[in-house]
Each structure stands twice: as C-alpha cells, then as structure tokens.
C-alpha atoms as a PDB file:
ATOM      1  CA  MET A   1      19.470  83.137 -18.515  1.00  0.00           C
ATOM      2  CA  THR A   2      22.656  81.654 -20.006  1.00  0.00           C
ATOM      3  CA  PRO A   3      24.322  83.333 -23.039  1.00  0.00           C
ATOM      4  CA  THR A   4      23.286  80.376 -25.224  1.00  0.00           C
ATOM      5  CA  ALA A   5      19.653  80.652 -24.108  1.00  0.00           C
ATOM      6  CA  GLU A   6      19.676  84.445 -24.554  1.00  0.00           C
ATOM      7  CA  LEU A   7      20.977  84.097 -28.103  1.00  0.00           C
ATOM      8  CA  LEU A   8      18.399  81.437 -29.004  1.00  0.00           C
ATOM      9  CA  ASP A   9      15.628  83.550 -27.505  1.00  0.00           C
ATOM     10  CA  ARG A  10      16.699  86.581 -29.501  1.00  0.00           C
ATOM     11  CA  LEU A  11      17.113  84.493 -32.640  1.00  0.00           C
ATOM     12  CA  LYS A  12      13.622  83.040 -32.207  1.00  0.00           C
ATOM     13  CA  SER A  13      11.999  86.453 -31.768  1.00  0.00           C
ATOM     14  CA  GLU A  14      13.915  88.359 -34.482  1.00  0.00           C
ATOM     15  CA  MET A  15      14.806  85.682 -37.027  1.00  0.00           C
ATOM     16  CA  PRO A  16      12.384  82.772 -36.470  1.00  0.00           C
ATOM     17  CA  GLU A  17      13.119  81.341 -39.918  1.00  0.00           C
ATOM     18  CA  LEU A  18      16.753  80.777 -38.876  1.00  0.00           C
ATOM     19  CA  TRP A  19      15.996  79.679 -35.318  1.00  0.00           C
ATOM     20  CA  GLY A  20      14.551  76.397 -36.598  1.00  0.00           C
ATOM     21  CA  GLN A  21      17.850  75.663 -38.403  1.00  0.00           C
ATOM     22  CA  ALA A  22      20.111  76.449 -35.444  1.00  0.00           C
ATOM     23  CA  GLN A  23      22.063  73.717 -33.667  1.00  0.00           C
ATOM     24  CA  VAL A  24      23.657  73.873 -30.232  1.00  0.00           C
ATOM     25  CA  VAL A  25      27.060  72.186 -30.272  1.00  0.00           C
ATOM     26  CA  GLY A  26      28.300  72.093 -26.701  1.00  0.00           C
ATOM     27  CA  ARG A  27      27.259  75.643 -25.834  1.00  0.00           C
ATOM     28  CA  TRP A  28      28.060  77.212 -29.221  1.00  0.00           C
ATOM     29  CA  VAL A  29      25.297  77.929 -31.723  1.00  0.00           C
ATOM     30  CA  TRP A  30      25.859  76.795 -35.309  1.00  0.00           C
ATOM     31  CA  LEU A  31      23.932  77.734 -38.446  1.00  0.00           C
ATOM     32  CA  GLU A  32      24.416  75.835 -41.706  1.00  0.00           C
ATOM     33  CA  PHE A  33      22.963  76.881 -45.067  1.00  0.00           C
ATOM     34  CA  ASN A  34      22.577  74.846 -48.252  1.00  0.00           C
ATOM     35  CA  VAL A  35      22.617  78.106 -50.188  1.00  0.00           C
ATOM     36  CA  PRO A  36      24.748  81.094 -49.036  1.00  0.00           C
ATOM     37  CA  PRO A  37      22.538  83.627 -47.227  1.00  0.00           C
ATOM     38  CA  VAL A  38      21.816  86.988 -48.808  1.00  0.00           C
ATOM     39  CA  THR A  39      23.711  90.115 -47.756  1.00  0.00           C
ATOM     40  CA  GLN A  40      21.018  91.302 -45.346  1.00  0.00           C
ATOM     41  CA  ILE A  41      21.002  87.947 -43.502  1.00  0.00           C
ATOM     42  CA  ARG A  42      24.800  87.909 -43.271  1.00  0.00           C
ATOM     43  CA  ALA A  43      24.769  91.444 -41.859  1.00  0.00           C
ATOM     44  CA  LYS A  44      22.168  90.471 -39.295  1.00  0.00           C
ATOM     45  CA  LEU A  45      24.147  87.392 -38.249  1.00  0.00           C
ATOM     46  CA  LYS A  46      27.257  89.521 -37.753  1.00  0.00           C
ATOM     47  CA  GLU A  47      25.192  91.941 -35.684  1.00  0.00           C
ATOM     48  CA  PHE A  48      24.177  89.012 -33.485  1.00  0.00           C
ATOM     49  CA  GLY A  49      27.844  88.061 -33.062  1.00  0.00           C
ATOM     50  CA  PHE A  50      28.070  85.139 -35.509  1.00  0.00           C
ATOM     51  CA  HIS A  51      31.214  84.604 -37.559  1.00  0.00           C
ATOM     52  CA  TRP A  52      31.828  82.516 -40.662  1.00  0.00           C
ATOM     53  CA  ASN A  53      33.931  79.379 -40.187  1.00  0.00           C
ATOM     54  CA  GLY A  54      35.342  78.481 -43.560  1.00  0.00           C
ATOM     55  CA  ALA A  55      36.696  75.128 -42.371  1.00  0.00           C
ATOM     56  CA  ARG A  56      33.322  73.996 -40.996  1.00  0.00           C
ATOM     57  CA  LYS A  57      31.315  75.784 -43.711  1.00  0.00           C
ATOM     58  CA  CYS A  58      28.904  77.267 -41.169  1.00  0.00           C
ATOM     59  CA  TRP A  59      28.126  80.366 -39.118  1.00  0.00           C
ATOM     60  CA  GLN A  60      29.093  80.046 -35.470  1.00  0.00           C
ATOM     61  CA  HIS A  61      28.470  81.968 -32.265  1.00  0.00           C
ATOM     62  CA  PRO A  62      30.715  81.118 -29.258  1.00  0.00           C
ATOM     63  CA  CYS A  63      28.226  82.457 -26.680  1.00  0.00           C
ATOM     64  CA  GLY A  64      31.117  83.603 -24.498  1.00  0.00           C
ATOM     65  CA  ILE A  65      32.772  80.168 -24.501  1.00  0.00           C
ATOM     66  CA  PRO A  66      36.427  80.148 -25.645  1.00  0.00           C
ATOM     67  CA  SER A  67      37.322  78.065 -28.668  1.00  0.00           C
ATOM     68  CA  ARG A  68      38.920  74.695 -28.034  1.00  0.00           C
ATOM     69  CA  ARG A  69      41.946  74.091 -30.252  1.00  0.00           C
ATOM     70  CA  ALA A  70      41.617  70.450 -31.172  1.00  0.00           C
ATOM     71  CA  GLY A  71      41.515  68.341 -34.293  1.00  0.00           C
ATOM     72  CA  GLY A  72      38.404  66.696 -35.642  1.00  0.00           C
ATOM     73  CA  ASP A  73      34.803  67.785 -35.798  1.00  0.00           C
ATOM     74  CA  PRO A  74      33.539  69.274 -32.493  1.00  0.00           C
ATOM     75  CA  ARG A  75      30.258  67.453 -33.067  1.00  0.00           C
ATOM     76  CA  SER A  76      32.104  64.187 -32.444  1.00  0.00           C
ATOM     77  CA  TYR A  77      32.852  65.071 -28.805  1.00  0.00           C
ATOM     78  CA  TYR A  78      30.169  67.665 -27.937  1.00  0.00           C
ATOM     79  CA  GLN A  79      26.474  67.010 -27.543  1.00  0.00           C
ATOM     80  CA  VAL A  80      24.476  68.379 -30.481  1.00  0.00           C
ATOM     81  CA  LYS A  81      20.909  69.572 -29.990  1.00  0.00           C
ATOM     82  CA  PRO A  82      18.536  71.393 -32.327  1.00  0.00           C
ATOM     83  CA  ALA A  83      17.430  74.761 -30.953  1.00  0.00           C
ATOM     84  CA  SER A  84      13.798  73.661 -31.201  1.00  0.00           C
ATOM     85  CA  GLY A  85      14.551  70.640 -29.002  1.00  0.00           C
ATOM     86  CA  MET A  86      16.135  72.548 -26.149  1.00  0.00           C
ATOM     87  CA  GLU A  87      14.365  71.784 -22.859  1.00  0.00           C
ATOM     88  CA  MET A  88      13.579  74.377 -20.235  1.00  0.00           C
ATOM     89  CA  ASN A  89      16.287  72.918 -18.015  1.00  0.00           C
ATOM     90  CA  ASP A  90      18.837  73.583 -20.775  1.00  0.00           C
ATOM     91  CA  ALA A  91      17.663  77.144 -21.277  1.00  0.00           C
ATOM     92  CA  LEU A  92      17.278  78.265 -17.673  1.00  0.00           C
ATOM     93  CA  PRO A  93      19.860  78.317 -14.872  1.00  0.00           C
ATOM     94  CA  ALA A  94      19.384  76.131 -11.809  1.00  0.00           C
ATOM     95  CA  ALA A  95      18.590  79.123  -9.595  1.00  0.00           C
ATOM     96  CA  PHE A  96      15.677  80.240 -11.785  1.00  0.00           C
ATOM     97  CA  ALA A  97      12.271  80.391 -10.104  1.00  0.00           C
ATOM     98  CA  LYS A  98      10.133  77.273 -10.476  1.00  0.00           C
ATOM     99  CA  GLU A  99       6.427  77.103 -11.196  1.00  0.00           C
ATOM    100  CA  TYR A 100       4.292  74.605  -9.285  1.00  0.00           C
ATOM    101  CA  LYS A 101       0.791  73.272  -9.860  1.00  0.00           C
ATOM    102  CA  VAL A 102      -1.609  72.166  -7.114  1.00  0.00           C
ATOM    103  CA  VAL A 103      -3.502  69.001  -8.030  1.00  0.00           C
ATOM    104  CA  ALA A 104      -6.412  67.570  -6.022  1.00  0.00           C
ATOM    105  CA  LEU A 105      -5.649  63.990  -5.023  1.00  0.00           C
ATOM    106  CA  ARG A 106      -9.016  63.251  -3.420  1.00  0.00           C
ATOM    107  CA  GLU A 107     -12.159  64.973  -2.250  1.00  0.00           C
ATOM    108  CA  CYS A 108     -12.735  65.303   1.509  1.00  0.00           C
ATOM    109  CA  PRO A 109     -16.238  65.936   2.873  1.00  0.00           C
ATOM    110  CA  LEU A 110     -16.905  69.083   4.823  1.00  0.00           C
ATOM    111  CA  PRO A 111     -17.840  68.595   8.503  1.00  0.00           C
ATOM    112  CA  GLU A 112     -21.523  69.290   7.817  1.00  0.00           C
ATOM    113  CA  GLN A 113     -21.496  66.614   5.078  1.00  0.00           C
ATOM    114  CA  MET A 114     -20.138  63.891   7.370  1.00  0.00           C
ATOM    115  CA  LYS A 115     -22.713  61.324   8.416  1.00  0.00           C
ATOM    116  CA  ILE A 116     -23.599  61.298  12.106  1.00  0.00           C
ATOM    117  CA  CYS A 117     -23.077  57.871  13.635  1.00  0.00           C
ATOM    118  CA  ASP A 118     -24.188  57.984  17.274  1.00  0.00           C
ATOM    119  CA  THR A 119     -26.524  54.967  17.466  1.00  0.00           C
ATOM    120  CA  PRO A 120     -26.329  51.313  16.389  1.00  0.00           C
ATOM    121  CA  ASP A 121     -29.012  51.951  13.763  1.00  0.00           C
ATOM    122  CA  THR A 122     -27.066  54.789  12.093  1.00  0.00           C
ATOM    123  CA  ALA A 123     -23.945  52.591  12.177  1.00  0.00           C
ATOM    124  CA  ALA A 124     -25.910  49.769  10.528  1.00  0.00           C
ATOM    125  CA  ASP A 125     -27.133  52.171   7.831  1.00  0.00           C
ATOM    126  CA  TYR A 126     -23.543  53.282   7.208  1.00  0.00           C
ATOM    127  CA  TRP A 127     -22.465  49.632   6.917  1.00  0.00           C
ATOM    128  CA  ARG A 128     -25.113  48.834   4.308  1.00  0.00           C
ATOM    129  CA  LEU A 129     -24.362  51.975   2.309  1.00  0.00           C
ATOM    130  CA  ASN A 130     -20.563  52.029   2.376  1.00  0.00           C
ATOM    131  CA  ILE A 131     -19.039  48.750   3.571  1.00  0.00           C
ATOM    132  CA  GLN A 132     -21.253  46.132   1.966  1.00  0.00           C
ATOM    133  CA  THR A 133     -20.618  47.879  -1.367  1.00  0.00           C
ATOM    134  CA  ASN A 134     -16.823  47.794  -0.943  1.00  0.00           C
ATOM    135  CA  PRO A 135     -15.279  45.600  -3.681  1.00  0.00           C
ATOM    136  CA  TYR A 136     -13.184  43.799  -1.038  1.00  0.00           C
ATOM    137  CA  PHE A 137     -16.187  42.945   1.154  1.00  0.00           C
ATOM    138  CA  ASN A 138     -16.972  39.226   1.203  1.00  0.00           C
ATOM    139  CA  PRO A 139     -20.463  38.384   2.514  1.00  0.00           C
ATOM    140  CA  GLU A 140     -19.462  34.709   2.827  1.00  0.00           C
ATOM    141  CA  ALA A 141     -16.732  35.521   5.374  1.00  0.00           C
ATOM    142  CA  GLU A 142     -16.551  37.587   8.541  1.00  0.00           C
ATOM    143  CA  CYS A 143     -15.260  41.099   7.801  1.00  0.00           C
ATOM    144  CA  LEU A 144     -14.246  43.622  10.454  1.00  0.00           C
ATOM    145  CA  ALA A 145     -14.590  47.340   9.756  1.00  0.00           C
ATOM    146  CA  VAL A 146     -13.753  50.349  11.920  1.00  0.00           C
ATOM    147  CA  LEU A 147     -15.700  53.599  11.679  1.00  0.00           C
ATOM    148  CA  MET A 148     -13.543  56.586  12.686  1.00  0.00           C
ATOM    149  CA  LEU A 149     -15.444  59.471  14.283  1.00  0.00           C
ATOM    150  CA  ASN A 150     -14.676  63.047  15.263  1.00  0.00           C
ATOM    151  CA  THR A 151     -15.670  64.656  18.564  1.00  0.00           C
ATOM    152  CA  ARG A 152     -19.178  65.353  17.214  1.00  0.00           C
ATOM    153  CA  ARG A 153     -19.675  61.668  16.349  1.00  0.00           C
ATOM    154  CA  ARG A 154     -19.490  62.320  12.622  1.00  0.00           C
ATOM    155  CA  VAL A 155     -17.789  59.704  10.455  1.00  0.00           C
ATOM    156  CA  LYS A 156     -14.390  60.873   9.215  1.00  0.00           C
ATOM    157  CA  GLY A 157     -13.881  57.617   7.338  1.00  0.00           C
ATOM    158  CA  HIS A 158     -13.873  53.853   7.666  1.00  0.00           C
ATOM    159  CA  GLN A 159     -11.393  51.025   7.199  1.00  0.00           C
ATOM    160  CA  LEU A 160     -12.035  47.418   6.273  1.00  0.00           C
ATOM    161  CA  VAL A 161      -9.427  46.020   8.648  1.00  0.00           C
ATOM    162  CA  THR A 162      -9.509  42.278   8.139  1.00  0.00           C
ATOM    163  CA  ILE A 163     -11.367  39.494   6.312  1.00  0.00           C
ATOM    164  CA  GLY A 164     -11.550  36.093   7.961  1.00  0.00           C
ATOM    165  CA  THR A 165     -13.355  32.826   7.315  1.00  0.00           C
ATOM    166  CA  MET A 166     -17.053  32.035   7.608  1.00  0.00           C
ATOM    167  CA  ASP A 167     -16.913  32.000  11.427  1.00  0.00           C
ATOM    168  CA  THR A 168     -13.506  33.372  12.493  1.00  0.00           C
ATOM    169  CA  LEU A 169     -11.615  36.680  12.481  1.00  0.00           C
ATOM    170  CA  LEU A 170      -8.032  37.485  13.483  1.00  0.00           C
ATOM    171  CA  VAL A 171      -8.044  40.846  15.281  1.00  0.00           C
ATOM    172  CA  HIS A 172      -5.258  42.816  16.962  1.00  0.00           C
ATOM    173  CA  PRO A 173      -5.428  46.333  18.501  1.00  0.00           C
ATOM    174  CA  ARG A 174      -2.446  47.407  16.378  1.00  0.00           C
ATOM    175  CA  GLU A 175      -4.411  47.071  13.128  1.00  0.00           C
ATOM    176  CA  VAL A 176      -7.705  48.236  14.616  1.00  0.00           C
ATOM    177  CA  PHE A 177      -6.341  51.541  15.937  1.00  0.00           C
ATOM    178  CA  ARG A 178      -3.754  52.290  13.245  1.00  0.00           C
ATOM    179  CA  GLY A 179      -6.233  54.044  10.938  1.00  0.00           C
ATOM    180  CA  ALA A 180      -7.830  55.886  13.859  1.00  0.00           C
ATOM    181  CA  VAL A 181      -4.467  57.285  14.927  1.00  0.00           C
ATOM    182  CA  ILE A 182      -3.608  58.362  11.376  1.00  0.00           C
ATOM    183  CA  ALA A 183      -7.025  60.007  10.954  1.00  0.00           C
ATOM    184  CA  ALA A 184      -6.798  61.658  14.404  1.00  0.00           C
ATOM    185  CA  ALA A 185     -10.125  60.102  15.337  1.00  0.00           C
ATOM    186  CA  SER A 186     -11.714  60.862  18.680  1.00  0.00           C
ATOM    187  CA  ALA A 187     -13.658  57.607  18.815  1.00  0.00           C
ATOM    188  CA  ILE A 188     -14.341  54.449  16.819  1.00  0.00           C
ATOM    189  CA  VAL A 189     -17.202  52.045  16.233  1.00  0.00           C
ATOM    190  CA  LEU A 190     -16.337  48.389  15.640  1.00  0.00           C
ATOM    191  CA  MET A 191     -18.470  46.455  13.156  1.00  0.00           C
ATOM    192  CA  HIS A 192     -18.371  42.977  11.737  1.00  0.00           C
ATOM    193  CA  ASN A 193     -20.777  40.627  10.003  1.00  0.00           C
ATOM    194  CA  HIS A 194     -21.961  37.085  10.657  1.00  0.00           C
ATOM    195  CA  PRO A 195     -22.391  35.244   7.341  1.00  0.00           C
ATOM    196  CA  SER A 196     -24.881  32.922   9.020  1.00  0.00           C
ATOM    197  CA  GLY A 197     -27.307  35.846   9.314  1.00  0.00           C
ATOM    198  CA  ASP A 198     -27.602  35.502  13.113  1.00  0.00           C
ATOM    199  CA  PRO A 199     -26.088  38.620  14.761  1.00  0.00           C
ATOM    200  CA  THR A 200     -25.868  37.104  18.258  1.00  0.00           C
ATOM    201  CA  PRO A 201     -22.303  37.838  19.527  1.00  0.00           C
ATOM    202  CA  SER A 202     -20.063  34.903  20.385  1.00  0.00           C
ATOM    203  CA  GLU A 203     -17.869  34.617  23.468  1.00  0.00           C
ATOM    204  CA  ALA A 204     -14.882  35.489  21.264  1.00  0.00           C
ATOM    205  CA  ASP A 205     -16.695  38.636  20.058  1.00  0.00           C
ATOM    206  CA  ILE A 206     -17.266  39.742  23.649  1.00  0.00           C
ATOM    207  CA  LYS A 207     -13.672  39.044  24.733  1.00  0.00           C
ATOM    208  CA  VAL A 208     -12.126  40.857  21.726  1.00  0.00           C
ATOM    209  CA  THR A 209     -14.430  43.826  22.276  1.00  0.00           C
ATOM    210  CA  ARG A 210     -13.349  44.202  25.890  1.00  0.00           C
ATOM    211  CA  ASP A 211      -9.676  43.882  24.934  1.00  0.00           C
ATOM    212  CA  LEU A 212     -10.117  46.670  22.357  1.00  0.00           C
ATOM    213  CA  ILE A 213     -11.979  48.850  24.865  1.00  0.00           C
ATOM    214  CA  ARG A 214      -8.993  48.613  27.251  1.00  0.00           C
ATOM    215  CA  ALA A 215      -6.559  49.368  24.410  1.00  0.00           C
ATOM    216  CA  GLY A 216      -8.640  52.402  23.437  1.00  0.00           C
ATOM    217  CA  GLN A 217      -8.649  53.667  27.006  1.00  0.00           C
ATOM    218  CA  LEU A 218      -4.847  53.633  27.027  1.00  0.00           C
ATOM    219  CA  MET A 219      -4.780  55.588  23.745  1.00  0.00           C
ATOM    220  CA  LYS A 220      -7.619  57.955  24.739  1.00  0.00           C
ATOM    221  CA  ILE A 221      -9.695  56.765  21.769  1.00  0.00           C
ATOM    222  CA  ASP A 222     -13.194  55.740  22.836  1.00  0.00           C
ATOM    223  CA  VAL A 223     -14.701  52.508  21.540  1.00  0.00           C
ATOM    224  CA  LEU A 224     -18.331  53.575  21.365  1.00  0.00           C
ATOM    225  CA  ASP A 225     -19.896  50.301  20.268  1.00  0.00           C
ATOM    226  CA  HIS A 226     -19.406  46.983  18.548  1.00  0.00           C
ATOM    227  CA  VAL A 227     -22.220  46.287  16.112  1.00  0.00           C
ATOM    228  CA  VAL A 228     -22.637  42.764  14.724  1.00  0.00           C
ATOM    229  CA  MET A 229     -24.435  42.726  11.388  1.00  0.00           C
ATOM    230  CA  GLY A 230     -26.736  39.844  10.533  1.00  0.00           C
ATOM    231  CA  ASN A 231     -29.297  39.426   7.806  1.00  0.00           C
ATOM    232  CA  PRO A 232     -31.429  41.461   8.118  1.00  0.00           C
ATOM    233  CA  SER A 233     -31.047  42.333  11.806  1.00  0.00           C
ATOM    234  CA  ARG A 234     -28.131  43.723  13.805  1.00  0.00           C
ATOM    235  CA  CYS A 235     -26.907  43.460  17.396  1.00  0.00           C
ATOM    236  CA  SER A 236     -25.149  46.047  19.589  1.00  0.00           C
ATOM    237  CA  LEU A 237     -22.835  44.820  22.326  1.00  0.00           C
ATOM    238  CA  ARG A 238     -23.295  48.123  24.172  1.00  0.00           C
ATOM    239  CA  GLU A 239     -27.055  47.660  24.214  1.00  0.00           C
ATOM    240  CA  LEU A 240     -26.521  44.139  25.536  1.00  0.00           C
ATOM    241  CA  GLY A 241     -24.488  45.523  28.455  1.00  0.00           C
ATOM    242  CA  TYR A 242     -21.059  44.162  27.538  1.00  0.00           C
ATOM    243  CA  PHE A 243     -19.380  47.582  27.727  1.00  0.00           C
ATOM    244  CA  TYR A 244     -17.758  48.951  30.867  1.00  0.00           C
ATOM    245  CA  ASN A 245     -19.300  52.005  32.460  1.00  0.00           C
END
C-alpha cells in the first residue's frame, strides 16, 4: 500500500470525522478547517506526521514526497481528489492481488438431459419443439437447420443456418458444418421445411444432401439423415434410400 493510502486508511480508522474532510493534492494529504482545531486534534495530527502550513492555511502531510519549490497554489497543477472519492486503483499498487468473480453466461444441459435424436420421428419432434418456435423461423419460407449430436446421438444444440424463399434455399458445406466443428459434434442431422406442406424431397434436396454427405465424410462428421418437414407429415431421405451405405 502506498504511503498516501496508508495514511488515509489510518485516518479513516482513527479519526473518521477528519477523513471526510481530507483532500489528496498530488500525493500529499491536506486538511483545512474553518475553525482552528482544538489542542487534542492538533496533537493527534502532529502524531500522524501533519504539519501546519501558514501560507496555505492548512495542515499538510507529504507522505514521503519531497516538497516542490514553486510559486502559485499546488492545486493549480496537481490533481485534487477528496479522500472519500479515492478509487481502489489509487489506493492500491499495481502489483496488489486482484479479486475475480465467476459469472454464468449460459446454462448447458447435462448429458442425461440432452434429447436423444436417433430416428426421423425424434428429429421431427425436436423441430416442432425448438426450431418452429425460434423467433427467426419463417414458416412461409424454406429454413434449413442443423442438429448437432454427440457420439450417443444426443442433441448438443442446433443452428438455424439459412432462410430462403418459399421454394429455394442457398446451402454451402462451409456454413452447414461450421457450427458442428465449433461444438465438436460427432454427427449432424439436416432438416428443412417445405412451406407448401408437401414433404416430398426435390431433386435439388437430394443433390445437396449427397454433397453434404461427402463433405461430412472428409471431415469425419456423419450426416445421419435429412428430414424434410411438411404439414403435418415429414419425410426422411435416409428412409427413402438416398443415403450411401
């Protein structure tokens, strides 16, 4: 602790009524009184190391800092702070130990709380519960979501990757697998909706699915299925035989 901080700490504990009046000018501590202090107060101030400055009409403590011989009021070229307004950074040296606080940014489910998603029906249930309720989901446009799974086929999370038009989506492996790589997913399930309500996959759906399967094979991330959501039915491209063995 610096000499200035030590003095202020001692002043606060032993003479709290004077601590509130103290000012820090540079690194000196000044005390000004409208009425001259009584003998006991003056004796205590001298015990602390204060001295009376007749020119400034105040009690001063140099706190180990030599006096600067210069004209004018030191308060015109030094920063002046009330003792009560001193921050911790002013009172403590840079090498002092710091205190940290751990704050929860989000809640993560435990493995046993993760939903198992190993069939098209469980994927469809997850879609209705978590993706259709997403504020960014647009039922009037095709939306592609990726479910990210661990090795036990439990859902670690999902990402709404892209939103297209009523019958078109722009899909690239870079965006599809980015979240899976970040989440260290073992496998993914592709899902998108058909606003028309008919879940029958188009030729473009089949081609994109096969492209993503090949990309996943290179990255060692399995594409387990591509489920097309209609209203109210669903369609699995794996069940239809469009996946490679």
